[in-house]
Amino acid sequence: MSYYQRPATQYRSTVFAAPAPRRMVARFDSVCARCRLPIVGGADAILYTKGQPAVHAECPSDHGIEAPEVEAVAVAPVAPVARLTIEDAGVYKLADGAIVKVQANREKTRVYAKRLTEHKGIERATEGEAGERVHAEYVFEAGLIAQVEREGVKLTLEEAKALTIRYGFCIRCGRHLKAAQSVEQGMGPVCIRFFEGA
């Protein structure tokens, strides 16, 4: 008779019982889950069940020793981090000096952040060392918006102008300045309104 031809009466269901706790000597120092007193590794007898915290085999509280009161530790309230909205779009400076642009997505439902990244030797001669060329671009970085929300500070107009002159494009919109007045003031007439001190 093959396996598939056996009558149904020969099949048995298997019932898995919960594992019984095992009495043993503690291998490591820990805290009893029942009485909250210390368990000394290598000395105290414990009841151990796989996947469960260890308990004394005989808790001191079973012998008339009162378990200590667990003192509640007051936790200082943490101020919630303000979430940036579309109205907060602009250019920010982080604590480490990094420049980040916060802008709205196409649907205008949320904002995301891009870090200003320099690439030397590509495009623009700076006011610094002779022959030094610096090109910069904004690069998207996942999770950067959370860092801006924690520590970002909006650029002032003077900081924005200095960066625009350094990189040769508007630090807010990324366009190259062409109009004489825009070049002279270091910022275009639209973008200049987005900075403090304008």
C-alpha atoms as a PDB file:
ATOM      1  CA  MET A   1       0.000   0.000   0.000  1.00  0.00           C
ATOM      2  CA  SER A   2       1.487   3.327  -1.004  1.00  0.00           C
ATOM      3  CA  TYR A   3       1.487   6.468   1.125  1.00  0.00           C
ATOM      4  CA  TYR A   4      -1.357   7.995  -0.867  1.00  0.00           C
ATOM      5  CA  GLN A   5      -3.557   4.873  -0.529  1.00  0.00           C
ATOM      6  CA  ARG A   6      -3.590   4.793   3.270  1.00  0.00           C
ATOM      7  CA  PRO A   7      -7.004   5.104   4.876  1.00  0.00           C
ATOM      8  CA  ALA A   8      -7.802   8.420   6.581  1.00  0.00           C
ATOM      9  CA  THR A   9      -7.828   6.699   9.994  1.00  0.00           C
ATOM     10  CA  GLN A  10      -4.035   6.282   9.812  1.00  0.00           C
ATOM     11  CA  TYR A  11      -3.362  10.046   9.765  1.00  0.00           C
ATOM     12  CA  ARG A  12      -2.738  11.759  13.087  1.00  0.00           C
ATOM     13  CA  SER A  13      -2.692  15.462  13.772  1.00  0.00           C
ATOM     14  CA  THR A  14       0.311  16.780  15.655  1.00  0.00           C
ATOM     15  CA  VAL A  15      -0.370  19.042  18.621  1.00  0.00           C
ATOM     16  CA  PHE A  16       2.522  21.243  19.685  1.00  0.00           C
ATOM     17  CA  ALA A  17       2.630  21.863  23.411  1.00  0.00           C
ATOM     18  CA  ALA A  18       4.185  25.007  24.878  1.00  0.00           C
ATOM     19  CA  PRO A  19       7.774  24.299  25.997  1.00  0.00           C
ATOM     20  CA  ALA A  20       8.151  23.605  29.690  1.00  0.00           C
ATOM     21  CA  PRO A  21      10.503  25.868  31.657  1.00  0.00           C
ATOM     22  CA  ARG A  22      13.909  24.356  32.330  1.00  0.00           C
ATOM     23  CA  ARG A  23      15.629  24.717  35.707  1.00  0.00           C
ATOM     24  CA  MET A  24      19.292  25.661  35.337  1.00  0.00           C
ATOM     25  CA  VAL A  25      22.055  27.864  36.697  1.00  0.00           C
ATOM     26  CA  ALA A  26      22.053  31.334  35.142  1.00  0.00           C
ATOM     27  CA  ARG A  27      24.856  31.833  32.631  1.00  0.00           C
ATOM     28  CA  PHE A  28      24.642  35.619  32.584  1.00  0.00           C
ATOM     29  CA  ASP A  29      23.743  38.431  34.954  1.00  0.00           C
ATOM     30  CA  SER A  30      20.213  39.717  34.350  1.00  0.00           C
ATOM     31  CA  VAL A  31      17.049  40.827  36.140  1.00  0.00           C
ATOM     32  CA  CYS A  32      14.230  38.525  37.185  1.00  0.00           C
ATOM     33  CA  ALA A  33      11.096  39.235  35.155  1.00  0.00           C
ATOM     34  CA  ARG A  34       8.906  38.327  38.138  1.00  0.00           C
ATOM     35  CA  CYS A  35      10.442  40.020  41.209  1.00  0.00           C
ATOM     36  CA  ARG A  36      12.727  42.525  39.404  1.00  0.00           C
ATOM     37  CA  LEU A  37      15.702  41.531  41.606  1.00  0.00           C
ATOM     38  CA  PRO A  38      19.123  40.789  40.074  1.00  0.00           C
ATOM     39  CA  ILE A  39      19.991  37.326  38.795  1.00  0.00           C
ATOM     40  CA  VAL A  40      23.672  36.554  39.350  1.00  0.00           C
ATOM     41  CA  GLY A  41      25.249  34.616  36.494  1.00  0.00           C
ATOM     42  CA  GLY A  42      26.957  31.397  37.539  1.00  0.00           C
ATOM     43  CA  ALA A  43      25.283  31.370  40.987  1.00  0.00           C
ATOM     44  CA  ASP A  44      21.495  31.755  40.896  1.00  0.00           C
ATOM     45  CA  ALA A  45      19.119  28.980  39.845  1.00  0.00           C
ATOM     46  CA  ILE A  46      16.610  30.118  37.249  1.00  0.00           C
ATOM     47  CA  LEU A  47      13.664  28.827  35.265  1.00  0.00           C
ATOM     48  CA  TYR A  48      14.356  29.362  31.575  1.00  0.00           C
ATOM     49  CA  THR A  49      11.907  29.032  28.712  1.00  0.00           C
ATOM     50  CA  LYS A  50      13.151  29.628  25.185  1.00  0.00           C
ATOM     51  CA  GLY A  51      12.076  33.054  23.974  1.00  0.00           C
ATOM     52  CA  GLN A  52      11.009  34.213  27.466  1.00  0.00           C
ATOM     53  CA  PRO A  53      12.874  36.315  30.056  1.00  0.00           C
ATOM     54  CA  ALA A  54      14.482  34.327  32.886  1.00  0.00           C
ATOM     55  CA  VAL A  55      12.994  34.218  36.397  1.00  0.00           C
ATOM     56  CA  HIS A  56      14.406  32.998  39.692  1.00  0.00           C
ATOM     57  CA  ALA A  57      13.681  29.330  40.357  1.00  0.00           C
ATOM     58  CA  GLU A  58      12.551  30.567  43.767  1.00  0.00           C
ATOM     59  CA  CYS A  59      12.098  34.308  43.930  1.00  0.00           C
ATOM     60  CA  PRO A  60      13.320  36.033  47.104  1.00  0.00           C
ATOM     61  CA  SER A  61       9.793  37.417  47.396  1.00  0.00           C
ATOM     62  CA  ASP A  62       8.635  33.809  47.880  1.00  0.00           C
ATOM     63  CA  HIS A  63      10.761  33.742  51.068  1.00  0.00           C
ATOM     64  CA  GLY A  64       9.369  36.896  52.649  1.00  0.00           C
ATOM     65  CA  ILE A  65      11.861  39.318  51.078  1.00  0.00           C
ATOM     66  CA  GLU A  66       9.960  42.140  49.502  1.00  0.00           C
ATOM     67  CA  ALA A  67      10.852  43.038  45.948  1.00  0.00           C
ATOM     68  CA  PRO A  68      12.003  46.638  45.628  1.00  0.00           C
ATOM     69  CA  GLU A  69       9.664  49.261  44.275  1.00  0.00           C
ATOM     70  CA  VAL A  70      10.539  50.124  40.724  1.00  0.00           C
ATOM     71  CA  GLU A  71      11.034  53.858  40.665  1.00  0.00           C
ATOM     72  CA  ALA A  72       9.474  55.614  37.727  1.00  0.00           C
ATOM     73  CA  VAL A  73      12.004  57.693  35.846  1.00  0.00           C
ATOM     74  CA  ALA A  74      10.705  61.035  34.670  1.00  0.00           C
ATOM     75  CA  VAL A  75      11.503  61.604  31.021  1.00  0.00           C
ATOM     76  CA  ALA A  76      11.878  65.169  29.877  1.00  0.00           C
ATOM     77  CA  PRO A  77       9.371  65.982  27.146  1.00  0.00           C
ATOM     78  CA  VAL A  78      10.917  66.285  23.701  1.00  0.00           C
ATOM     79  CA  ALA A  79       9.754  69.212  21.651  1.00  0.00           C
ATOM     80  CA  PRO A  80       8.204  67.996  18.398  1.00  0.00           C
ATOM     81  CA  VAL A  81      10.199  68.777  15.265  1.00  0.00           C
ATOM     82  CA  ALA A  82       8.441  71.319  13.077  1.00  0.00           C
ATOM     83  CA  ARG A  83       7.664  69.852   9.661  1.00  0.00           C
ATOM     84  CA  LEU A  84       8.584  72.007   6.687  1.00  0.00           C
ATOM     85  CA  THR A  85       5.756  72.943   4.359  1.00  0.00           C
ATOM     86  CA  ILE A  86       5.652  74.395   0.857  1.00  0.00           C
ATOM     87  CA  GLU A  87       5.718  77.894   2.335  1.00  0.00           C
ATOM     88  CA  ASP A  88       9.101  77.064   3.925  1.00  0.00           C
ATOM     89  CA  ALA A  89      10.793  76.334   0.581  1.00  0.00           C
ATOM     90  CA  GLY A  90      14.119  78.115   0.286  1.00  0.00           C
ATOM     91  CA  VAL A  91      17.837  77.757   0.915  1.00  0.00           C
ATOM     92  CA  TYR A  92      19.070  76.608   4.325  1.00  0.00           C
ATOM     93  CA  LYS A  93      22.399  76.197   6.092  1.00  0.00           C
ATOM     94  CA  LEU A  94      22.985  73.151   8.315  1.00  0.00           C
ATOM     95  CA  ALA A  95      25.054  73.009  11.504  1.00  0.00           C
ATOM     96  CA  ASP A  96      28.055  71.606   9.588  1.00  0.00           C
ATOM     97  CA  GLY A  97      27.910  74.506   7.079  1.00  0.00           C
ATOM     98  CA  ALA A  98      26.306  72.494   4.265  1.00  0.00           C
ATOM     99  CA  ILE A  99      23.954  74.402   1.963  1.00  0.00           C
ATOM    100  CA  VAL A 100      20.602  72.750   1.243  1.00  0.00           C
ATOM    101  CA  LYS A 101      17.745  73.787  -1.017  1.00  0.00           C
ATOM    102  CA  VAL A 102      14.219  72.857   0.071  1.00  0.00           C
ATOM    103  CA  GLN A 103      11.680  72.806  -2.749  1.00  0.00           C
ATOM    104  CA  ALA A 104       8.158  71.604  -3.421  1.00  0.00           C
ATOM    105  CA  ASN A 105       7.372  68.515  -5.466  1.00  0.00           C
ATOM    106  CA  ARG A 106       5.487  68.836  -8.765  1.00  0.00           C
ATOM    107  CA  GLU A 107       2.102  68.256  -7.157  1.00  0.00           C
ATOM    108  CA  LYS A 108       2.823  70.958  -4.523  1.00  0.00           C
ATOM    109  CA  THR A 109       1.876  68.520  -1.760  1.00  0.00           C
ATOM    110  CA  ARG A 110       5.189  68.220   0.110  1.00  0.00           C
ATOM    111  CA  VAL A 111       8.809  69.387   0.112  1.00  0.00           C
ATOM    112  CA  TYR A 112      12.127  67.609  -0.325  1.00  0.00           C
ATOM    113  CA  ALA A 113      15.764  68.660   0.026  1.00  0.00           C
ATOM    114  CA  LYS A 114      18.879  68.783  -2.163  1.00  0.00           C
ATOM    115  CA  ARG A 115      22.447  69.315  -0.935  1.00  0.00           C
ATOM    116  CA  LEU A 116      24.742  71.776  -2.747  1.00  0.00           C
ATOM    117  CA  THR A 117      27.717  69.716  -3.905  1.00  0.00           C
ATOM    118  CA  GLU A 118      30.932  71.175  -5.314  1.00  0.00           C
ATOM    119  CA  HIS A 119      32.861  69.598  -8.185  1.00  0.00           C
ATOM    120  CA  LYS A 120      36.295  71.149  -8.661  1.00  0.00           C
ATOM    121  CA  GLY A 121      38.002  71.498 -11.991  1.00  0.00           C
ATOM    122  CA  ILE A 122      34.891  71.694 -14.141  1.00  0.00           C
ATOM    123  CA  GLU A 123      33.335  75.023 -14.828  1.00  0.00           C
ATOM    124  CA  ARG A 124      33.728  78.282 -12.965  1.00  0.00           C
ATOM    125  CA  ALA A 125      36.809  80.260 -11.969  1.00  0.00           C
ATOM    126  CA  THR A 126      36.268  81.560  -8.437  1.00  0.00           C
ATOM    127  CA  GLU A 127      37.495  84.646  -6.676  1.00  0.00           C
ATOM    128  CA  GLY A 128      39.927  82.372  -4.796  1.00  0.00           C
ATOM    129  CA  GLU A 129      43.185  80.867  -6.027  1.00  0.00           C
ATOM    130  CA  ALA A 130      44.270  81.657  -9.564  1.00  0.00           C
ATOM    131  CA  GLY A 131      43.175  78.989 -11.996  1.00  0.00           C
ATOM    132  CA  GLU A 132      40.902  77.228  -9.500  1.00  0.00           C
ATOM    133  CA  ARG A 133      37.605  76.225 -11.041  1.00  0.00           C
ATOM    134  CA  VAL A 134      34.514  75.272  -9.076  1.00  0.00           C
ATOM    135  CA  HIS A 135      31.211  73.925 -10.324  1.00  0.00           C
ATOM    136  CA  ALA A 136      28.360  73.169  -7.946  1.00  0.00           C
ATOM    137  CA  GLU A 137      24.984  71.564  -8.275  1.00  0.00           C
ATOM    138  CA  TYR A 138      22.120  70.538  -6.028  1.00  0.00           C
ATOM    139  CA  VAL A 139      21.917  66.778  -5.511  1.00  0.00           C
ATOM    140  CA  PHE A 140      18.892  65.020  -3.998  1.00  0.00           C
ATOM    141  CA  GLU A 141      19.629  63.111  -0.800  1.00  0.00           C
ATOM    142  CA  ALA A 142      17.070  60.804   0.812  1.00  0.00           C
ATOM    143  CA  GLY A 143      16.273  61.733   4.420  1.00  0.00           C
ATOM    144  CA  LEU A 144      17.973  65.134   4.164  1.00  0.00           C
ATOM    145  CA  ILE A 145      14.688  66.976   4.729  1.00  0.00           C
ATOM    146  CA  ALA A 146      14.519  65.584   8.285  1.00  0.00           C
ATOM    147  CA  GLN A 147      17.972  67.009   9.047  1.00  0.00           C
ATOM    148  CA  VAL A 148      16.924  70.412   7.697  1.00  0.00           C
ATOM    149  CA  GLU A 149      13.834  70.312   9.924  1.00  0.00           C
ATOM    150  CA  ARG A 150      16.034  69.620  12.978  1.00  0.00           C
ATOM    151  CA  GLU A 151      18.895  72.055  12.465  1.00  0.00           C
ATOM    152  CA  GLY A 152      18.444  74.104   9.289  1.00  0.00           C
ATOM    153  CA  VAL A 153      18.592  77.913   9.333  1.00  0.00           C
ATOM    154  CA  LYS A 154      17.482  79.961   6.336  1.00  0.00           C
ATOM    155  CA  LEU A 155      20.232  81.870   4.541  1.00  0.00           C
ATOM    156  CA  THR A 156      20.368  85.624   4.879  1.00  0.00           C
ATOM    157  CA  LEU A 157      20.433  87.796   1.762  1.00  0.00           C
ATOM    158  CA  GLU A 158      24.169  88.502   2.180  1.00  0.00           C
ATOM    159  CA  GLU A 159      24.999  84.779   2.477  1.00  0.00           C
ATOM    160  CA  ALA A 160      22.879  84.031  -0.601  1.00  0.00           C
ATOM    161  CA  LYS A 161      24.592  86.789  -2.623  1.00  0.00           C
ATOM    162  CA  ALA A 162      28.053  85.517  -1.666  1.00  0.00           C
ATOM    163  CA  LEU A 163      27.174  81.996  -2.835  1.00  0.00           C
ATOM    164  CA  THR A 164      25.613  83.292  -6.056  1.00  0.00           C
ATOM    165  CA  ILE A 165      28.820  85.174  -6.854  1.00  0.00           C
ATOM    166  CA  ARG A 166      30.974  82.152  -5.963  1.00  0.00           C
ATOM    167  CA  TYR A 167      29.145  79.677  -8.182  1.00  0.00           C
ATOM    168  CA  GLY A 168      27.877  81.970 -10.929  1.00  0.00           C
ATOM    169  CA  PHE A 169      24.220  81.009 -10.655  1.00  0.00           C
ATOM    170  CA  CYS A 170      21.312  82.039  -8.432  1.00  0.00           C
ATOM    171  CA  ILE A 171      21.655  80.011  -5.272  1.00  0.00           C
ATOM    172  CA  ARG A 172      17.851  79.731  -5.022  1.00  0.00           C
ATOM    173  CA  CYS A 173      16.606  78.956  -8.544  1.00  0.00           C
ATOM    174  CA  GLY A 174      19.843  77.789 -10.200  1.00  0.00           C
ATOM    175  CA  ARG A 175      19.628  80.155 -13.186  1.00  0.00           C
ATOM    176  CA  HIS A 176      22.635  82.091 -14.449  1.00  0.00           C
ATOM    177  CA  LEU A 177      22.303  85.835 -13.922  1.00  0.00           C
ATOM    178  CA  LYS A 178      22.255  87.826 -17.172  1.00  0.00           C
ATOM    179  CA  ALA A 179      20.474  91.110 -16.474  1.00  0.00           C
ATOM    180  CA  ALA A 180      22.919  93.844 -15.450  1.00  0.00           C
ATOM    181  CA  GLN A 181      20.904  94.821 -12.362  1.00  0.00           C
ATOM    182  CA  SER A 182      20.675  91.187 -11.212  1.00  0.00           C
ATOM    183  CA  VAL A 183      24.424  90.685 -11.637  1.00  0.00           C
ATOM    184  CA  GLU A 184      25.100  93.928  -9.783  1.00  0.00           C
ATOM    185  CA  GLN A 185      22.898  93.047  -6.793  1.00  0.00           C
ATOM    186  CA  GLY A 186      23.937  89.386  -6.814  1.00  0.00           C
ATOM    187  CA  MET A 187      20.369  88.092  -7.102  1.00  0.00           C
ATOM    188  CA  GLY A 188      17.425  88.301  -9.469  1.00  0.00           C
ATOM    189  CA  PRO A 189      14.369  90.476  -8.622  1.00  0.00           C
ATOM    190  CA  VAL A 190      12.106  87.468  -7.874  1.00  0.00           C
ATOM    191  CA  CYS A 191      14.491  85.345  -5.802  1.00  0.00           C
ATOM    192  CA  ILE A 192      15.771  88.261  -3.738  1.00  0.00           C
ATOM    193  CA  ARG A 193      12.373  88.500  -2.014  1.00  0.00           C
ATOM    194  CA  PHE A 194      12.827  85.034  -0.503  1.00  0.00           C
ATOM    195  CA  PHE A 195      15.735  86.046   1.723  1.00  0.00           C
ATOM    196  CA  GLU A 196      15.805  87.909   5.014  1.00  0.00           C
ATOM    197  CA  GLY A 197      17.138  91.428   4.739  1.00  0.00           C
ATOM    198  CA  ALA A 198      15.762  92.014   1.249  1.00  0.00           C
END
